[in-house]
Amino acid sequence: MATLKENLRLWDEGVAACDRGEFRTALEKFTGIQDPSAKILFNIGTVQMALGQVQPAAKSFSSTLEKDEHLSVAYFQRGLANFKCGRDQEGLRDFQESYQRLRRNALIDYKQLGLRYKLCACEVLYNTALVHFKLGQTAQCKEMLLEAQKVKIEPRHNVIDKALECLDRHQTFQPIEMPSNVLFRPATSIIQNLEKKDYLGKAKVVSSITDRDDFSGFEPLRRPKESQAKSLDAALRPEGTPHRVVRDHAPNSAEELEVRVGNMVFVAAQEEGWCSVSFNNKIGLVPAVCLEEVEDKRGKGEEGRIRDSKVPEPPRSKPPQPPVRPSPPARLPPMLMPPKKALPTPPDEDSAFLPPSAPPNRAPPPLVRGSLAQGDNGFYDNEEAPISPPARPPPPRPPSLSADMPVVVKVHHTDSYTVAIRSKSGATLRDLTVMVANKFEMAEDVVTLWYKKEGEEEMTEIVKDEDMREVWATVREGQLTLWLKDRKDDQESVSAMSMQFSKVVALHDYEASEPGDLGFMEGDVITIMSQVNEDWLEGRSRGNVGIFPAGYVKPWDKRLPKEGISCA
């Protein structure tokens, strides 16, 4: 049984014989391959077609399709063989099957499979039309030619137009055939590896003839002498002036060199617009317009040796001593370490730290929802909290935690801003007011704190320390919730707490220009959720939530309903 190496060698020899026009020799090589594949059987059929052996060629292509039924080009070749044998119906079926295997593609390129051929759909339709013409089906023939005319690609497909002219004169036309040297070829890399290679080479053994020399074996690596090193550098250094290629050049003769943009060449001489250059150990001619002279950065080092500028000089001094790492700080004994306080469980309601006010004359940032997270100095929640704009510096962080501040106090501003601070249990109203004022960056005299008694919805103002002691009694699980109001808010300004469920009616149409805006039509009723600042409100309408200008709405009077108004 032949080995794979022998089959590959026969395959390569058969293709080479076919290129020389020796088709009988090629047929002998291909038929000598044992257990041939679909590619070898296709090659056998193609060579038989070139020798005029049409009947055996049709059988060879049938064997090819038994190995690979999806090979459209094999159907095309078998259809051509059947047509030449006079089996028109079988040839018509093969051409139709070949067109179906194209799957509505204009062509199939078989280069990746080793066949340097592109089977075009217009060629298949052309041969199909020829079979229809031979069968006397003129209408089908013209239809196929018109379809082929629409998808023709190359200039050689102009034979389709000539076939239409022949059809008008009721004259026959010749089929389109594949060239006889179009075969499946083995990969070049595989053929090159068929030859044996000596990767180790021949070793040279040297033995000493000196009586006192015990060495016997391979000759050790020795440094070249100074004279040898200079001659070696001179031999390796390219002669000429360095130039950079600025334009591609394809050779038109054996004396010219092929160069690409960016290549570095060395010009030895120039005459009549041509330069004699050395490139990749080759010497040839390149047009002068394709080259640009560059500075020769190769300088001469010590002892007249040529040294590349990219190669650094050897070190002249001793390497520096490594830095001495400082010793780690001494750790405190366990008894001196401050006790760790367990942080209380974060509450479920909003506790995000927000800036005290939005910048004037600027659209407030969009609202996002998130989950409660623990920071370095307290708990924060992104739930329904506006994100500060990038240009604004981050707000001050809450005061650092300590052992005497175990209670988390959440303070809700009437503008829906919320902060979380820590305070020791039992702090006076004065101390808590100062902490809240510093946190909101407000004056102490305008801050009023409110709380809700258990079972009540209305808020009660904290005005004295007795009220504060009652407030501290409502602490549950280390948490306390308070509300902040500003004394400077006049009666006309509508706060978020008082507008939590109030409604306004739109005076004009407003089109949302930003992702966080709320668009509405004139007459729509909007439910107010919060007041962003004196110019912007946040509300809900038609199932959408966003911010909108306060000047576009007015308070809604329930006693005067309006037709066509849609409530949120």
Protein backbone atom coordinates (compact mmCIF):
# COMPACT_ATOMS: atom_id res chain seq x y z
CA MET A 1 0.00 0.00 0.00
CA ALA A 2 1.37 3.39 -0.99
CA THR A 3 2.18 5.81 1.76
CA LEU A 4 0.83 9.32 2.03
CA LYS A 5 4.22 10.69 1.01
CA GLU A 6 4.19 8.65 -2.21
CA ASN A 7 0.63 9.76 -3.05
CA LEU A 8 1.56 13.40 -2.53
CA ARG A 9 4.60 12.99 -4.75
CA LEU A 10 2.50 11.41 -7.54
CA TRP A 11 -0.06 14.23 -7.18
CA ASP A 12 2.65 16.88 -7.58
CA GLU A 13 4.26 15.08 -10.53
CA GLY A 14 0.88 14.73 -12.27
CA VAL A 15 0.16 18.45 -11.96
CA ALA A 16 3.64 19.31 -13.25
CA ALA A 17 3.16 16.99 -16.26
CA CYS A 18 -0.18 18.61 -17.04
CA ASP A 19 1.45 22.07 -16.96
CA ARG A 20 3.94 20.83 -19.57
CA GLY A 21 1.09 19.57 -21.75
CA GLU A 22 1.93 15.89 -21.15
CA PHE A 23 -1.62 14.80 -20.37
CA ARG A 24 -1.01 11.06 -20.77
CA THR A 25 1.85 11.16 -18.28
CA ALA A 26 -0.33 13.18 -15.93
CA LEU A 27 -3.14 10.62 -16.26
CA GLU A 28 -0.72 7.81 -15.36
CA LYS A 29 0.44 9.68 -12.27
CA PHE A 30 -3.10 10.44 -11.08
CA THR A 31 -4.41 6.91 -11.69
CA GLY A 32 -1.42 5.53 -9.78
CA ILE A 33 -2.66 7.13 -6.55
CA GLN A 34 -4.35 4.57 -4.32
CA ASP A 35 -7.72 5.42 -2.75
CA PRO A 36 -8.00 8.76 -4.61
CA SER A 37 -9.88 11.64 -3.04
CA ALA A 38 -12.51 13.82 -4.71
CA LYS A 39 -9.79 16.27 -5.82
CA ILE A 40 -7.73 13.52 -7.52
CA LEU A 41 -10.83 12.11 -9.25
CA PHE A 42 -11.68 15.60 -10.51
CA ASN A 43 -8.14 15.96 -11.89
CA ILE A 44 -8.50 12.57 -13.65
CA GLY A 45 -11.76 13.68 -15.27
CA THR A 46 -10.26 17.02 -16.37
CA VAL A 47 -7.24 15.30 -17.97
CA GLN A 48 -9.54 12.80 -19.73
CA MET A 49 -11.56 15.71 -21.12
CA ALA A 50 -8.31 17.22 -22.46
CA LEU A 51 -7.48 13.85 -24.13
CA GLY A 52 -10.94 13.63 -25.70
CA GLN A 53 -12.00 10.69 -23.51
CA VAL A 54 -15.48 12.08 -22.81
CA GLN A 55 -17.21 8.88 -21.61
CA PRO A 56 -14.52 8.00 -18.99
CA ALA A 57 -14.45 11.67 -17.94
CA ALA A 58 -18.18 11.61 -17.14
CA LYS A 59 -17.63 8.51 -14.96
CA SER A 60 -14.69 10.18 -13.19
CA PHE A 61 -16.80 13.23 -12.37
CA SER A 62 -19.58 10.95 -11.10
CA SER A 63 -17.02 9.31 -8.77
CA THR A 64 -15.97 12.80 -7.66
CA LEU A 65 -19.54 13.66 -6.68
CA GLU A 66 -19.83 10.41 -4.75
CA LYS A 67 -16.93 11.63 -2.63
CA ASP A 68 -18.15 15.25 -2.39
CA GLU A 69 -21.73 15.92 -3.46
CA HIS A 70 -21.47 19.68 -2.82
CA LEU A 71 -18.77 20.34 -5.45
CA SER A 72 -20.61 22.59 -7.92
CA VAL A 73 -17.71 22.66 -10.38
CA ALA A 74 -17.87 18.85 -10.68
CA TYR A 75 -21.54 19.08 -11.75
CA PHE A 76 -20.49 21.71 -14.30
CA GLN A 77 -17.78 19.45 -15.76
CA ARG A 78 -19.99 16.37 -15.82
CA GLY A 79 -22.75 18.35 -17.54
CA LEU A 80 -20.24 19.42 -20.22
CA ALA A 81 -19.10 15.78 -20.67
CA ASN A 82 -22.69 14.52 -21.00
CA PHE A 83 -23.45 17.31 -23.51
CA LYS A 84 -20.50 16.25 -25.64
CA CYS A 85 -21.64 12.62 -25.44
CA GLY A 86 -25.09 13.57 -26.75
CA ARG A 87 -26.88 13.00 -23.44
CA ASP A 88 -28.60 16.37 -23.49
CA GLN A 89 -31.17 15.69 -20.74
CA GLU A 90 -28.48 14.48 -18.32
CA GLY A 91 -26.29 17.45 -19.21
CA LEU A 92 -29.23 19.83 -18.58
CA ARG A 93 -29.82 18.30 -15.13
CA ASP A 94 -26.13 18.65 -14.26
CA PHE A 95 -26.02 22.32 -15.27
CA GLN A 96 -29.20 23.03 -13.31
CA GLU A 97 -27.79 21.24 -10.25
CA SER A 98 -24.54 23.19 -10.57
CA TYR A 99 -26.52 26.46 -10.58
CA GLN A 100 -28.46 25.35 -7.50
CA ARG A 101 -25.17 24.61 -5.68
CA LEU A 102 -24.11 28.22 -6.29
CA ARG A 103 -26.86 29.26 -3.81
CA ARG A 104 -27.64 32.55 -5.59
CA ASN A 105 -23.97 33.62 -5.52
CA ALA A 106 -22.43 35.33 -8.53
CA LEU A 107 -19.40 33.04 -8.35
CA ILE A 108 -17.50 30.50 -6.23
CA ASP A 109 -13.73 30.89 -5.84
CA TYR A 110 -12.06 27.50 -5.29
CA LYS A 111 -8.63 28.98 -4.58
CA GLN A 112 -8.70 27.97 -0.91
CA LEU A 113 -9.30 24.36 -1.95
CA GLY A 114 -6.30 24.40 -4.30
CA LEU A 115 -8.24 24.96 -7.57
CA ARG A 116 -7.31 28.24 -9.22
CA TYR A 117 -10.67 28.79 -10.86
CA LYS A 118 -13.78 30.90 -10.28
CA LEU A 119 -17.01 29.24 -11.36
CA CYS A 120 -19.35 32.06 -12.39
CA ALA A 121 -23.13 31.78 -12.44
CA CYS A 122 -23.30 33.40 -15.89
CA GLU A 123 -21.17 30.55 -17.32
CA VAL A 124 -23.49 27.90 -15.90
CA LEU A 125 -26.55 29.74 -17.28
CA TYR A 126 -24.83 30.11 -20.66
CA ASN A 127 -24.23 26.33 -20.96
CA THR A 128 -27.78 25.67 -19.73
CA ALA A 129 -29.11 27.92 -22.51
CA LEU A 130 -27.00 26.01 -25.04
CA VAL A 131 -28.63 22.70 -24.03
CA HIS A 132 -32.10 24.29 -24.32
CA PHE A 133 -31.20 25.49 -27.82
CA LYS A 134 -30.05 22.02 -28.83
CA LEU A 135 -33.34 20.57 -27.50
CA GLY A 136 -35.28 23.10 -29.59
CA GLN A 137 -36.50 25.11 -26.59
CA THR A 138 -35.77 28.58 -27.94
CA ALA A 139 -37.80 30.51 -25.37
CA GLN A 140 -36.00 28.86 -22.43
CA CYS A 141 -32.68 29.43 -24.20
CA LYS A 142 -33.28 33.15 -24.56
CA GLU A 143 -34.46 33.42 -20.95
CA MET A 144 -31.27 31.76 -19.67
CA LEU A 145 -29.07 34.01 -21.82
CA LEU A 146 -30.81 37.14 -20.56
CA GLU A 147 -30.32 35.99 -16.97
CA ALA A 148 -26.65 35.26 -17.69
CA GLN A 149 -26.27 38.72 -19.25
CA LYS A 150 -27.40 40.34 -15.99
CA VAL A 151 -24.75 38.61 -13.83
CA LYS A 152 -21.74 38.58 -16.15
CA ILE A 153 -18.53 39.72 -14.47
CA GLU A 154 -15.43 39.58 -16.67
CA PRO A 155 -14.83 40.83 -20.24
CA ARG A 156 -14.58 37.24 -21.49
CA HIS A 157 -18.26 36.88 -20.66
CA ASN A 158 -19.12 39.05 -23.69
CA VAL A 159 -19.69 35.74 -25.48
CA ILE A 160 -23.16 35.90 -23.90
CA ASP A 161 -24.01 38.92 -26.04
CA LYS A 162 -22.72 37.14 -29.13
CA ALA A 163 -24.82 34.09 -28.22
CA LEU A 164 -27.94 36.29 -28.16
CA GLU A 165 -27.08 37.53 -31.64
CA CYS A 166 -26.62 33.93 -32.85
CA LEU A 167 -29.99 33.04 -31.32
CA ASP A 168 -31.69 35.80 -33.30
CA ARG A 169 -30.16 34.34 -36.46
CA HIS A 170 -31.09 30.79 -35.34
CA GLN A 171 -27.43 29.81 -35.26
CA THR A 172 -25.81 27.61 -32.62
CA PHE A 173 -22.93 28.73 -30.38
CA GLN A 174 -20.06 27.02 -28.55
CA PRO A 175 -20.11 26.04 -24.84
CA ILE A 176 -17.87 27.58 -22.18
CA GLU A 177 -15.23 25.07 -21.01
CA MET A 178 -12.68 25.09 -18.21
CA PRO A 179 -8.99 25.29 -19.24
CA SER A 180 -7.24 21.93 -19.36
CA ASN A 181 -4.55 22.96 -16.85
CA VAL A 182 -7.05 23.94 -14.13
CA LEU A 183 -6.47 21.19 -11.54
CA PHE A 184 -6.54 20.74 -7.80
CA ARG A 185 -2.95 21.33 -6.68
CA PRO A 186 -1.27 20.26 -3.42
CA ALA A 187 -0.09 22.96 -1.04
CA THR A 188 3.45 24.17 -1.79
CA SER A 189 4.47 23.97 1.88
CA ILE A 190 3.49 20.28 1.99
CA ILE A 191 5.50 19.44 -1.14
CA GLN A 192 8.56 21.28 0.19
CA ASN A 193 8.49 19.19 3.37
CA LEU A 194 8.64 15.93 1.40
CA GLU A 195 12.41 16.24 1.04
CA LYS A 196 14.65 15.22 3.89
CA LYS A 197 16.34 18.02 5.78
CA ASP A 198 19.44 17.86 7.93
CA TYR A 199 18.68 20.28 10.74
CA LEU A 200 21.76 19.39 12.82
CA GLY A 201 24.39 19.52 10.11
CA LYS A 202 27.75 17.81 10.31
CA ALA A 203 29.80 18.18 13.47
CA LYS A 204 33.51 18.85 13.21
CA VAL A 205 35.62 16.96 15.78
CA VAL A 206 39.04 18.32 16.65
CA SER A 207 41.65 16.45 18.68
CA SER A 208 44.85 17.91 20.04
CA ILE A 209 48.26 16.52 19.08
CA THR A 210 49.93 18.14 22.09
CA ASP A 211 51.03 15.55 24.65
CA ARG A 212 50.08 17.71 27.64
CA ASP A 213 46.68 18.78 26.22
CA ASP A 214 43.83 16.65 27.62
CA PHE A 215 41.15 18.29 25.38
CA SER A 216 39.43 16.11 22.81
CA GLY A 217 36.01 16.90 21.31
CA PHE A 218 34.25 19.77 19.60
CA GLU A 219 36.15 22.96 19.00
CA PRO A 220 35.01 25.61 21.51
CA LEU A 221 33.67 29.01 20.45
CA ARG A 222 36.54 31.45 20.14
CA ARG A 223 36.46 35.23 19.85
CA PRO A 224 37.66 36.57 16.48
CA LYS A 225 40.82 38.58 16.41
CA GLU A 226 40.69 42.36 16.13
CA SER A 227 41.65 42.31 12.45
CA GLN A 228 39.02 39.69 11.72
CA ALA A 229 36.36 41.73 13.55
CA LYS A 230 37.15 44.84 11.48
CA SER A 231 36.99 42.94 8.22
CA LEU A 232 33.74 41.32 9.30
CA ASP A 233 32.17 44.69 10.12
CA ALA A 234 33.31 46.08 6.79
CA ALA A 235 31.82 43.10 4.96
CA LEU A 236 28.48 43.30 6.76
CA ARG A 237 28.05 47.03 6.36
CA PRO A 238 26.12 47.88 3.16
CA GLU A 239 27.94 50.18 0.81
CA GLY A 240 26.33 53.40 -0.35
CA THR A 241 24.13 56.19 0.97
CA PRO A 242 20.97 55.17 2.86
CA HIS A 243 17.69 56.10 1.17
CA ARG A 244 14.05 55.53 2.07
CA VAL A 245 11.55 54.30 -0.52
CA VAL A 246 8.70 56.81 -0.92
CA ARG A 247 6.94 55.14 -3.89
CA ASP A 248 6.36 51.49 -4.76
CA HIS A 249 8.21 50.12 -7.77
CA ALA A 250 7.41 46.90 -9.61
CA PRO A 251 10.29 45.55 -11.75
CA ASN A 252 9.84 45.35 -15.51
CA SER A 253 13.13 43.57 -16.18
CA ALA A 254 15.57 41.26 -14.44
CA GLU A 255 17.91 44.16 -13.61
CA GLU A 256 15.32 46.04 -11.54
CA LEU A 257 14.40 45.43 -7.90
CA GLU A 258 10.96 45.40 -6.33
CA VAL A 259 10.68 47.84 -3.40
CA ARG A 260 7.82 49.06 -1.26
CA VAL A 261 7.13 52.30 0.56
CA GLY A 262 9.12 52.43 3.80
CA ASN A 263 11.96 50.08 2.71
CA MET A 264 15.53 51.21 3.42
CA VAL A 265 18.00 50.81 0.54
CA PHE A 266 21.62 51.86 0.00
CA VAL A 267 22.45 53.76 -3.19
CA ALA A 268 25.88 53.03 -4.63
CA ALA A 269 25.56 55.01 -7.87
CA GLN A 270 23.07 57.10 -9.82
CA GLU A 271 22.87 57.70 -13.55
CA GLU A 272 20.14 59.04 -15.90
CA GLY A 273 17.35 58.84 -13.30
CA TRP A 274 18.21 55.29 -12.17
CA CYS A 275 19.95 54.31 -8.94
CA SER A 276 22.04 51.20 -8.35
CA VAL A 277 20.92 50.06 -4.90
CA SER A 278 21.46 47.14 -2.55
CA PHE A 279 18.40 45.75 -0.78
CA ASN A 280 17.98 42.40 1.01
CA ASN A 281 21.43 41.24 -0.13
CA LYS A 282 20.45 41.99 -3.75
CA ILE A 283 21.78 44.63 -6.14
CA GLY A 284 19.59 46.15 -8.82
CA LEU A 285 18.13 49.31 -10.34
CA VAL A 286 15.40 51.51 -8.86
CA PRO A 287 14.08 54.83 -10.27
CA ALA A 288 15.50 57.85 -8.46
CA VAL A 289 12.03 59.39 -8.07
CA CYS A 290 11.08 56.49 -5.80
CA LEU A 291 13.85 57.22 -3.28
CA GLU A 292 14.51 59.86 -0.64
CA GLU A 293 17.87 60.33 1.03
CA VAL A 294 17.96 60.00 4.83
CA GLU A 295 20.60 60.87 7.37
CA ASP A 296 23.16 58.16 8.04
CA LYS A 297 22.93 57.71 11.81
CA ARG A 298 25.53 55.00 11.89
CA GLY A 299 28.53 56.45 13.70
CA LYS A 300 32.01 55.15 14.28
CA GLY A 301 32.76 53.87 17.74
CA GLU A 302 36.10 53.09 19.30
CA GLU A 303 38.87 51.45 17.34
CA GLY A 304 37.25 52.43 14.01
CA ARG A 305 34.42 49.90 14.33
CA ILE A 306 31.01 50.75 12.90
CA ARG A 307 28.37 50.79 15.59
CA ASP A 308 24.62 51.07 15.02
CA SER A 309 23.04 54.08 16.73
CA LYS A 310 20.23 51.88 18.03
CA VAL A 311 22.68 49.65 19.95
CA PRO A 312 23.45 51.21 23.35
CA GLU A 313 27.02 51.57 24.58
CA PRO A 314 28.17 49.04 27.18
CA PRO A 315 28.06 50.27 30.80
CA ARG A 316 31.18 52.07 31.96
CA SER A 317 30.48 52.14 35.69
CA LYS A 318 29.28 49.80 38.36
CA PRO A 319 25.53 49.37 38.75
CA PRO A 320 23.93 51.45 41.53
CA GLN A 321 23.16 49.87 44.82
CA PRO A 322 19.52 48.90 45.38
CA PRO A 323 17.59 51.33 47.61
CA VAL A 324 17.18 50.47 51.22
CA ARG A 325 13.56 49.90 52.07
CA PRO A 326 12.38 51.49 55.32
CA SER A 327 11.33 49.13 58.02
CA PRO A 328 7.56 48.79 58.42
CA PRO A 329 5.97 50.77 61.23
CA ALA A 330 5.55 48.94 64.48
CA ARG A 331 2.04 47.67 64.98
CA LEU A 332 0.17 48.41 68.19
CA PRO A 333 -0.45 45.53 70.57
CA PRO A 334 -3.98 44.17 70.49
CA MET A 335 -4.83 45.80 73.78
CA LEU A 336 -4.00 49.29 72.41
CA MET A 337 -5.95 48.99 69.17
CA PRO A 338 -9.28 50.89 69.20
CA PRO A 339 -12.29 48.58 69.43
CA LYS A 340 -14.13 47.92 66.20
CA LYS A 341 -17.73 49.04 66.22
CA ALA A 342 -20.21 47.05 64.14
CA LEU A 343 -21.98 49.32 61.70
CA PRO A 344 -25.78 49.32 61.94
CA THR A 345 -27.87 47.75 59.21
CA PRO A 346 -28.55 50.36 56.50
CA PRO A 347 -32.19 51.46 56.19
CA ASP A 348 -34.35 50.57 53.21
CA GLU A 349 -35.50 54.12 52.46
CA ASP A 350 -33.57 56.85 50.66
CA SER A 351 -30.31 57.92 52.28
CA ALA A 352 -28.22 59.31 49.43
CA PHE A 353 -25.93 62.26 50.00
CA LEU A 354 -26.97 65.00 47.59
CA PRO A 355 -25.73 68.55 46.91
CA PRO A 356 -27.75 71.27 48.67
CA SER A 357 -28.97 72.89 45.47
CA ALA A 358 -28.74 72.56 41.70
CA PRO A 359 -26.68 75.13 39.76
CA PRO A 360 -28.83 78.07 38.52
CA ASN A 361 -29.84 78.37 34.88
CA ARG A 362 -28.78 74.84 34.18
CA ALA A 363 -30.80 71.73 33.57
CA PRO A 364 -30.54 69.42 36.60
CA PRO A 365 -28.90 66.02 36.06
CA PRO A 366 -31.03 62.94 35.28
CA LEU A 367 -32.33 60.84 38.11
CA VAL A 368 -31.00 57.31 38.56
CA ARG A 369 -31.88 54.47 40.84
CA GLY A 370 -29.38 52.30 42.68
CA SER A 371 -28.79 50.25 45.78
CA LEU A 372 -27.60 51.23 49.25
CA ALA A 373 -23.82 51.08 49.63
CA GLN A 374 -21.48 51.68 52.54
CA GLY A 375 -18.77 54.28 52.12
CA ASP A 376 -15.77 55.10 54.26
CA ASN A 377 -17.75 57.49 56.48
CA GLY A 378 -21.35 56.28 56.32
CA PHE A 379 -24.09 54.75 54.22
CA TYR A 380 -25.10 56.15 50.85
CA ASP A 381 -27.95 55.26 48.50
CA ASN A 382 -28.31 56.14 44.82
CA GLU A 383 -32.10 55.57 44.92
CA GLU A 384 -33.85 58.51 43.20
CA ALA A 385 -30.77 60.71 43.72
CA PRO A 386 -29.62 63.24 41.06
CA ILE A 387 -26.03 62.79 39.91
CA SER A 388 -23.92 65.91 40.26
CA PRO A 389 -22.54 67.24 36.93
CA PRO A 390 -18.91 66.36 36.09
CA ALA A 391 -17.68 69.97 36.31
CA ARG A 392 -18.96 70.32 39.89
CA PRO A 393 -16.50 69.29 42.64
CA PRO A 394 -17.64 66.37 44.80
CA PRO A 395 -19.61 67.32 47.92
CA PRO A 396 -17.92 67.13 51.30
CA ARG A 397 -17.92 63.70 52.84
CA PRO A 398 -19.72 62.98 56.13
CA PRO A 399 -17.72 63.38 59.34
CA SER A 400 -15.53 60.45 60.23
CA LEU A 401 -17.06 57.76 62.40
CA SER A 402 -16.03 57.34 65.96
CA ALA A 403 -17.00 55.20 68.87
CA ASP A 404 -19.16 57.90 70.51
CA MET A 405 -21.38 58.41 67.41
CA PRO A 406 -23.29 55.15 67.05
CA VAL A 407 -26.59 56.57 65.67
CA VAL A 408 -27.16 57.11 61.94
CA VAL A 409 -29.31 60.22 61.44
CA LYS A 410 -30.98 60.66 58.06
CA VAL A 411 -32.03 64.21 57.32
CA HIS A 412 -34.51 64.80 54.46
CA HIS A 413 -34.45 68.29 52.97
CA THR A 414 -37.77 69.68 51.78
CA ASP A 415 -36.28 69.77 48.26
CA SER A 416 -36.01 65.98 48.41
CA TYR A 417 -32.29 66.05 49.22
CA THR A 418 -31.15 63.54 51.82
CA VAL A 419 -27.93 63.12 53.80
CA ALA A 420 -26.79 60.55 56.33
CA ILE A 421 -24.74 61.72 59.30
CA ARG A 422 -23.63 60.16 62.55
CA SER A 423 -24.31 61.60 65.96
CA LYS A 424 -24.02 60.37 69.49
CA SER A 425 -27.26 59.41 71.13
CA GLY A 426 -28.64 62.23 73.31
CA ALA A 427 -26.97 65.12 71.45
CA THR A 428 -28.55 68.51 72.09
CA LEU A 429 -30.66 70.34 69.55
CA ARG A 430 -27.92 72.96 69.17
CA ASP A 431 -25.20 70.37 68.35
CA LEU A 432 -27.41 68.51 65.88
CA THR A 433 -28.48 71.77 64.19
CA VAL A 434 -24.83 72.80 63.73
CA MET A 435 -23.98 69.42 62.18
CA VAL A 436 -26.94 69.58 59.77
CA ALA A 437 -26.21 73.21 58.79
CA ASN A 438 -22.58 72.36 58.02
CA LYS A 439 -23.64 69.35 56.00
CA PHE A 440 -26.12 71.34 53.85
CA GLU A 441 -23.84 74.43 53.76
CA MET A 442 -26.59 76.57 55.26
CA ALA A 443 -26.72 79.15 58.01
CA GLU A 444 -27.66 77.84 61.45
CA ASP A 445 -30.41 80.41 61.99
CA VAL A 446 -32.42 79.24 58.97
CA VAL A 447 -32.33 75.51 59.83
CA THR A 448 -35.38 73.95 61.46
CA LEU A 449 -35.59 70.22 62.22
CA TRP A 450 -38.82 68.25 62.15
CA TYR A 451 -39.77 64.70 63.03
CA LYS A 452 -42.78 62.38 62.86
CA LYS A 453 -44.29 60.84 65.94
CA GLU A 454 -45.14 57.16 65.87
CA GLY A 455 -48.49 56.54 64.17
CA GLU A 456 -48.77 60.10 62.80
CA GLU A 457 -48.30 61.43 59.28
CA GLU A 458 -47.92 65.09 60.19
CA MET A 459 -44.47 66.41 61.10
CA THR A 460 -43.68 68.15 64.37
CA GLU A 461 -41.01 70.83 64.69
CA ILE A 462 -38.19 70.33 67.21
CA VAL A 463 -37.94 73.64 69.09
CA LYS A 464 -36.27 72.76 72.40
CA ASP A 465 -34.10 70.14 74.05
CA GLU A 466 -37.15 68.47 75.68
CA ASP A 467 -38.46 67.75 72.18
CA MET A 468 -34.99 66.46 71.26
CA ARG A 469 -35.04 63.97 74.15
CA GLU A 470 -38.39 62.70 72.90
CA VAL A 471 -36.88 62.37 69.44
CA TRP A 472 -33.94 60.31 70.74
CA ALA A 473 -36.46 57.95 72.30
CA THR A 474 -37.72 57.05 68.80
CA VAL A 475 -34.34 55.62 67.70
CA ARG A 476 -34.76 52.10 66.35
CA GLU A 477 -31.82 49.84 65.51
CA GLY A 478 -29.37 52.75 65.63
CA GLN A 479 -31.30 54.86 63.08
CA LEU A 480 -33.20 58.14 63.24
CA THR A 481 -35.07 60.02 60.50
CA LEU A 482 -35.54 63.82 60.57
CA TRP A 483 -36.73 66.49 58.11
CA LEU A 484 -35.13 69.86 57.38
CA LYS A 485 -36.94 73.07 56.42
CA ASP A 486 -35.47 76.42 55.47
CA ARG A 487 -36.90 79.49 57.22
CA LYS A 488 -36.09 81.65 54.18
CA ASP A 489 -38.64 79.82 52.02
CA ASP A 490 -41.49 82.27 51.53
CA GLN A 491 -45.10 81.37 51.16
CA GLU A 492 -45.00 81.53 47.35
CA SER A 493 -42.19 78.97 46.92
CA VAL A 494 -43.58 75.47 46.71
CA SER A 495 -41.47 72.89 48.55
CA ALA A 496 -41.14 69.25 47.59
CA MET A 497 -42.82 68.02 50.77
CA SER A 498 -45.92 70.12 50.25
CA MET A 499 -45.98 69.31 46.55
CA GLN A 500 -45.45 65.56 46.96
CA PHE A 501 -48.88 64.74 45.53
CA SER A 502 -49.99 68.14 44.15
CA LYS A 503 -50.82 68.63 40.48
CA VAL A 504 -50.22 71.35 37.90
CA VAL A 505 -51.62 71.91 34.41
CA ALA A 506 -49.45 72.67 31.36
CA LEU A 507 -49.81 76.14 29.84
CA HIS A 508 -47.73 75.40 26.73
CA ASP A 509 -46.30 72.44 24.86
CA TYR A 510 -42.84 71.36 26.05
CA GLU A 511 -40.63 69.04 23.97
CA ALA A 512 -38.02 67.04 25.90
CA SER A 513 -34.52 68.02 24.69
CA GLU A 514 -32.50 65.88 27.15
CA PRO A 515 -32.90 62.24 28.25
CA GLY A 516 -34.03 63.33 31.74
CA ASP A 517 -36.68 65.85 30.57
CA LEU A 518 -40.45 65.34 30.73
CA GLY A 519 -42.32 66.29 27.57
CA PHE A 520 -46.01 67.20 27.60
CA MET A 521 -48.77 68.93 25.64
CA GLU A 522 -50.79 72.00 26.54
CA GLY A 523 -53.56 71.05 28.99
CA ASP A 524 -51.84 67.93 30.40
CA VAL A 525 -52.10 67.48 34.15
CA ILE A 526 -48.74 66.67 35.80
CA THR A 527 -48.20 65.20 39.26
CA ILE A 528 -45.40 67.05 41.07
CA MET A 529 -42.84 64.74 42.70
CA SER A 530 -40.19 67.25 43.84
CA GLN A 531 -38.83 70.73 43.24
CA VAL A 532 -35.32 70.69 41.77
CA ASN A 533 -34.79 74.44 42.14
CA GLU A 534 -36.79 77.62 41.68
CA ASP A 535 -36.86 77.18 37.89
CA TRP A 536 -37.27 73.40 37.46
CA LEU A 537 -39.72 70.81 38.80
CA GLU A 538 -39.79 67.03 38.67
CA GLY A 539 -43.10 65.34 37.83
CA ARG A 540 -44.90 62.42 36.26
CA SER A 541 -47.29 62.52 33.29
CA ARG A 542 -48.62 59.85 30.91
CA GLY A 543 -46.50 57.23 32.68
CA ASN A 544 -43.23 59.19 32.15
CA VAL A 545 -41.08 60.82 34.85
CA GLY A 546 -38.69 63.72 34.28
CA ILE A 547 -37.94 67.39 34.92
CA PHE A 548 -39.55 70.40 33.23
CA PRO A 549 -39.52 74.24 33.51
CA ALA A 550 -41.74 75.64 36.23
CA GLY A 551 -42.77 78.54 33.98
CA TYR A 552 -44.63 76.18 31.63
CA VAL A 553 -47.27 75.14 34.22
CA LYS A 554 -49.73 76.61 36.71
CA PRO A 555 -51.56 75.13 39.72
CA TRP A 556 -54.43 72.85 38.76
CA ASP A 557 -57.86 73.71 40.13
CA LYS A 558 -59.89 70.52 40.70
CA ARG A 559 -63.10 72.53 40.66
CA LEU A 560 -62.54 73.59 37.03
CA PRO A 561 -61.94 70.37 35.02
CA LYS A 562 -61.02 70.82 31.40
CA GLU A 563 -62.02 68.54 28.56
CA GLY A 564 -59.24 66.53 26.99
CA ILE A 565 -56.94 66.81 30.04
CA SER A 566 -55.06 63.57 30.70
CA CYS A 567 -54.02 62.93 34.29
CA ALA A 568 -50.86 61.06 35.20
